[in-house]
């Protein structure tokens, strides 16, 4: 499993006390031959992912 920086590094993701993320952006997760993009939305507290 490896993480790749796109617009945000997974190690910099943190959430505020109200559940909203402190930063937004996208990173890539690779697990073997499978790739996924994770997107953190600012102000919504939502994280989505999509298999590529």
PDB file of N, CA and C in Angstrom:
ATOM      1  N   UNK A   1       0.856  -1.159   0.000  1.00  0.00           N
ATOM      2  CA  UNK A   1       0.000   0.000   0.000  1.00  0.00           C
ATOM      3  C   UNK A   1       0.908   1.230   0.000  1.00  0.00           C
ATOM      4  N   UNK A   2       0.687   2.115  -0.949  1.00  0.00           N
ATOM      5  CA  UNK A   2       1.441   3.367  -1.001  1.00  0.00           C
ATOM      6  C   UNK A   2       0.493   4.532  -1.244  1.00  0.00           C
ATOM      7  N   UNK A   3       0.857   5.663  -0.686  1.00  0.00           N
ATOM      8  CA  UNK A   3       0.118   6.904  -0.884  1.00  0.00           C
ATOM      9  C   UNK A   3       0.942   7.802  -1.784  1.00  0.00           C
ATOM     10  N   UNK A   4       0.283   8.490  -2.691  1.00  0.00           N
ATOM     11  CA  UNK A   4       0.968   9.433  -3.566  1.00  0.00           C
ATOM     12  C   UNK A   4       0.322  10.804  -3.437  1.00  0.00           C
ATOM     13  N   UNK A   5       1.156  11.801  -3.287  1.00  0.00           N
ATOM     14  CA  UNK A   5       0.714  13.189  -3.177  1.00  0.00           C
ATOM     15  C   UNK A   5       0.131  13.630  -4.510  1.00  0.00           C
ATOM     16  N   UNK A   6      -1.044  14.245  -4.467  1.00  0.00           N
ATOM     17  CA  UNK A   6      -1.602  14.900  -5.649  1.00  0.00           C
ATOM     18  C   UNK A   6      -1.744  16.384  -5.305  1.00  0.00           C
ATOM     19  N   UNK A   7      -2.779  16.752  -4.559  1.00  0.00           N
ATOM     20  CA  UNK A   7      -2.916  18.141  -4.111  1.00  0.00           C
ATOM     21  C   UNK A   7      -2.849  18.247  -2.591  1.00  0.00           C
ATOM     22  N   UNK A   8      -2.809  17.098  -1.910  1.00  0.00           N
ATOM     23  CA  UNK A   8      -2.694  17.081  -0.454  1.00  0.00           C
ATOM     24  C   UNK A   8      -1.969  15.799  -0.051  1.00  0.00           C
ATOM     25  N   UNK A   9      -1.168  15.873   0.981  1.00  0.00           N
ATOM     26  CA  UNK A   9      -0.483  14.705   1.505  1.00  0.00           C
ATOM     27  C   UNK A   9      -1.352  14.064   2.589  1.00  0.00           C
ATOM     28  N   UNK A  10      -1.535  12.754   2.573  1.00  0.00           N
ATOM     29  CA  UNK A  10      -2.373  12.110   3.589  1.00  0.00           C
ATOM     30  C   UNK A  10      -1.926  12.403   5.021  1.00  0.00           C
ATOM     31  N   UNK A  11      -0.642  12.637   5.223  1.00  0.00           N
ATOM     32  CA  UNK A  11      -0.145  12.908   6.578  1.00  0.00           C
ATOM     33  C   UNK A  11      -0.531  14.294   7.082  1.00  0.00           C
ATOM     34  N   UNK A  12      -1.025  15.171   6.206  1.00  0.00           N
ATOM     35  CA  UNK A  12      -1.407  16.525   6.631  1.00  0.00           C
ATOM     36  C   UNK A  12      -2.910  16.679   6.857  1.00  0.00           C
ATOM     37  N   UNK A  13      -3.673  15.607   6.649  1.00  0.00           N
ATOM     38  CA  UNK A  13      -5.121  15.684   6.822  1.00  0.00           C
ATOM     39  C   UNK A  13      -5.456  15.668   8.307  1.00  0.00           C
ATOM     40  N   UNK A  14      -6.244  16.636   8.732  1.00  0.00           N
ATOM     41  CA  UNK A  14      -6.728  16.673  10.111  1.00  0.00           C
ATOM     42  C   UNK A  14      -8.127  17.273  10.106  1.00  0.00           C
ATOM     43  N   UNK A  15      -8.864  16.968  11.154  1.00  0.00           N
ATOM     44  CA  UNK A  15     -10.242  17.431  11.246  1.00  0.00           C
ATOM     45  C   UNK A  15     -10.414  18.315  12.470  1.00  0.00           C
ATOM     46  N   UNK A  16     -11.234  19.332  12.346  1.00  0.00           N
ATOM     47  CA  UNK A  16     -11.530  20.251  13.439  1.00  0.00           C
ATOM     48  C   UNK A  16     -12.528  19.608  14.399  1.00  0.00           C
ATOM     49  N   UNK A  17     -12.739  20.219  15.540  1.00  0.00           N
ATOM     50  CA  UNK A  17     -13.658  19.687  16.545  1.00  0.00           C
ATOM     51  C   UNK A  17     -15.086  19.542  16.010  1.00  0.00           C
ATOM     52  N   UNK A  18     -15.463  20.390  15.050  1.00  0.00           N
ATOM     53  CA  UNK A  18     -16.820  20.322  14.484  1.00  0.00           C
ATOM     54  C   UNK A  18     -16.955  19.262  13.383  1.00  0.00           C
ATOM     55  N   UNK A  19     -15.882  18.522  13.099  1.00  0.00           N
ATOM     56  CA  UNK A  19     -15.921  17.449  12.111  1.00  0.00           C
ATOM     57  C   UNK A  19     -15.506  17.857  10.716  1.00  0.00           C
ATOM     58  N   UNK A  20     -15.277  19.138  10.485  1.00  0.00           N
ATOM     59  CA  UNK A  20     -14.864  19.608   9.168  1.00  0.00           C
ATOM     60  C   UNK A  20     -13.348  19.464   9.016  1.00  0.00           C
ATOM     61  N   UNK A  21     -12.880  19.135   7.813  1.00  0.00           N
ATOM     62  CA  UNK A  21     -11.436  19.030   7.598  1.00  0.00           C
ATOM     63  C   UNK A  21     -10.781  20.411   7.626  1.00  0.00           C
ATOM     64  N   UNK A  22      -9.519  20.438   8.030  1.00  0.00           N
ATOM     65  CA  UNK A  22      -8.796  21.712   8.074  1.00  0.00           C
ATOM     66  C   UNK A  22      -8.218  22.080   6.710  1.00  0.00           C
ATOM     67  N   UNK A  23      -8.096  21.109   5.805  1.00  0.00           N
ATOM     68  CA  UNK A  23      -7.591  21.338   4.452  1.00  0.00           C
ATOM     69  C   UNK A  23      -8.377  20.473   3.482  1.00  0.00           C
ATOM     70  N   UNK A  24      -8.385  20.862   2.234  1.00  0.00           N
ATOM     71  CA  UNK A  24      -9.035  20.039   1.210  1.00  0.00           C
ATOM     72  C   UNK A  24      -7.994  19.613   0.189  1.00  0.00           C
ATOM     73  N   UNK A  25      -8.332  18.593  -0.583  1.00  0.00           N
ATOM     74  CA  UNK A  25      -7.430  18.141  -1.621  1.00  0.00           C
ATOM     75  C   UNK A  25      -7.651  16.688  -1.971  1.00  0.00           C
ATOM     76  N   UNK A  26      -6.773  16.171  -2.835  1.00  0.00           N
ATOM     77  CA  UNK A  26      -6.880  14.808  -3.340  1.00  0.00           C
ATOM     78  C   UNK A  26      -5.535  14.102  -3.221  1.00  0.00           C
ATOM     79  N   UNK A  27      -5.584  12.811  -2.875  1.00  0.00           N
ATOM     80  CA  UNK A  27      -4.381  11.982  -2.888  1.00  0.00           C
ATOM     81  C   UNK A  27      -4.711  10.641  -3.517  1.00  0.00           C
ATOM     82  N   UNK A  28      -3.688   9.918  -3.925  1.00  0.00           N
ATOM     83  CA  UNK A  28      -3.837   8.638  -4.600  1.00  0.00           C
ATOM     84  C   UNK A  28      -3.366   7.525  -3.682  1.00  0.00           C
ATOM     85  N   UNK A  29      -4.137   6.448  -3.621  1.00  0.00           N
ATOM     86  CA  UNK A  29      -3.773   5.261  -2.838  1.00  0.00           C
ATOM     87  C   UNK A  29      -3.601   4.104  -3.809  1.00  0.00           C
ATOM     88  N   UNK A  30      -2.451   3.426  -3.727  1.00  0.00           N
ATOM     89  CA  UNK A  30      -2.201   2.243  -4.549  1.00  0.00           C
ATOM     90  C   UNK A  30      -2.125   1.022  -3.644  1.00  0.00           C
ATOM     91  N   UNK A  31      -2.904   0.002  -4.000  1.00  0.00           N
ATOM     92  CA  UNK A  31      -2.852  -1.277  -3.299  1.00  0.00           C
ATOM     93  C   UNK A  31      -2.667  -2.335  -4.385  1.00  0.00           C
ATOM     94  N   UNK A  32      -1.450  -2.825  -4.524  1.00  0.00           N
ATOM     95  CA  UNK A  32      -1.151  -3.753  -5.614  1.00  0.00           C
ATOM     96  C   UNK A  32      -1.396  -3.078  -6.951  1.00  0.00           C
ATOM     97  N   UNK A  33      -2.231  -3.693  -7.780  1.00  0.00           N
ATOM     98  CA  UNK A  33      -2.551  -3.128  -9.096  1.00  0.00           C
ATOM     99  C   UNK A  33      -3.751  -2.194  -9.064  1.00  0.00           C
ATOM    100  N   UNK A  34      -4.352  -2.012  -7.899  1.00  0.00           N
ATOM    101  CA  UNK A  34      -5.542  -1.171  -7.773  1.00  0.00           C
ATOM    102  C   UNK A  34      -5.150   0.247  -7.361  1.00  0.00           C
ATOM    103  N   UNK A  35      -5.822   1.243  -7.952  1.00  0.00           N
ATOM    104  CA  UNK A  35      -5.558   2.647  -7.633  1.00  0.00           C
ATOM    105  C   UNK A  35      -6.870   3.332  -7.267  1.00  0.00           C
ATOM    106  N   UNK A  36      -6.809   4.180  -6.248  1.00  0.00           N
ATOM    107  CA  UNK A  36      -7.982   4.903  -5.768  1.00  0.00           C
ATOM    108  C   UNK A  36      -7.602   6.364  -5.536  1.00  0.00           C
ATOM    109  N   UNK A  37      -8.498   7.270  -5.880  1.00  0.00           N
ATOM    110  CA  UNK A  37      -8.303   8.667  -5.506  1.00  0.00           C
ATOM    111  C   UNK A  37      -9.240   8.977  -4.344  1.00  0.00           C
ATOM    112  N   UNK A  38      -8.717   9.655  -3.353  1.00  0.00           N
ATOM    113  CA  UNK A  38      -9.488  10.113  -2.204  1.00  0.00           C
ATOM    114  C   UNK A  38      -9.513  11.627  -2.245  1.00  0.00           C
ATOM    115  N   UNK A  39     -10.700  12.212  -2.103  1.00  0.00           N
ATOM    116  CA  UNK A  39     -10.851  13.659  -2.119  1.00  0.00           C
ATOM    117  C   UNK A  39     -11.492  14.110  -0.810  1.00  0.00           C
ATOM    118  N   UNK A  40     -10.856  15.076  -0.162  1.00  0.00           N
ATOM    119  CA  UNK A  40     -11.354  15.663   1.080  1.00  0.00           C
ATOM    120  C   UNK A  40     -11.945  17.017   0.721  1.00  0.00           C
ATOM    121  N   UNK A  41     -13.212  17.226   1.073  1.00  0.00           N
ATOM    122  CA  UNK A  41     -13.904  18.474   0.745  1.00  0.00           C
ATOM    123  C   UNK A  41     -13.928  19.395   1.949  1.00  0.00           C
ATOM    124  N   UNK A  42     -13.453  20.596   1.777  1.00  0.00           N
ATOM    125  CA  UNK A  42     -13.427  21.596   2.828  1.00  0.00           C
ATOM    126  C   UNK A  42     -14.834  22.116   3.078  1.00  0.00           C
ATOM    127  N   UNK A  43     -15.204  22.239   4.341  1.00  0.00           N
ATOM    128  CA  UNK A  43     -16.487  22.812   4.708  1.00  0.00           C
ATOM    129  C   UNK A  43     -17.644  21.837   4.714  1.00  0.00           C
ATOM    130  N   UNK A  44     -17.437  20.637   4.200  1.00  0.00           N
ATOM    131  CA  UNK A  44     -18.515  19.656   4.172  1.00  0.00           C
ATOM    132  C   UNK A  44     -18.253  18.494   5.126  1.00  0.00           C
ATOM    133  N   UNK A  45     -16.988  18.254   5.469  1.00  0.00           N
ATOM    134  CA  UNK A  45     -16.657  17.112   6.303  1.00  0.00           C
ATOM    135  C   UNK A  45     -16.813  15.800   5.554  1.00  0.00           C
ATOM    136  N   UNK A  46     -16.720  15.848   4.232  1.00  0.00           N
ATOM    137  CA  UNK A  46     -16.938  14.677   3.397  1.00  0.00           C
ATOM    138  C   UNK A  46     -15.626  14.234   2.785  1.00  0.00           C
ATOM    139  N   UNK A  47     -15.408  12.914   2.746  1.00  0.00           N
ATOM    140  CA  UNK A  47     -14.282  12.320   2.044  1.00  0.00           C
ATOM    141  C   UNK A  47     -14.867  11.320   1.059  1.00  0.00           C
ATOM    142  N   UNK A  48     -14.530  11.462  -0.219  1.00  0.00           N
ATOM    143  CA  UNK A  48     -15.005  10.518  -1.223  1.00  0.00           C
ATOM    144  C   UNK A  48     -13.826   9.784  -1.815  1.00  0.00           C
ATOM    145  N   UNK A  49     -14.097   8.605  -2.371  1.00  0.00           N
ATOM    146  CA  UNK A  49     -13.054   7.879  -3.066  1.00  0.00           C
ATOM    147  C   UNK A  49     -13.608   7.280  -4.344  1.00  0.00           C
ATOM    148  N   UNK A  50     -12.700   7.038  -5.295  1.00  0.00           N
ATOM    149  CA  UNK A  50     -13.095   6.489  -6.585  1.00  0.00           C
ATOM    150  C   UNK A  50     -11.997   5.547  -7.062  1.00  0.00           C
ATOM    151  N   UNK A  51     -12.396   4.356  -7.493  1.00  0.00           N
ATOM    152  CA  UNK A  51     -11.431   3.411  -8.049  1.00  0.00           C
ATOM    153  C   UNK A  51     -11.119   3.831  -9.475  1.00  0.00           C
ATOM    154  N   UNK A  52      -9.848   3.841  -9.802  1.00  0.00           N
ATOM    155  CA  UNK A  52      -9.421   4.213 -11.162  1.00  0.00           C
ATOM    156  C   UNK A  52      -9.201   2.987 -12.013  1.00  0.00           C
TER     157      UNK A  52
END
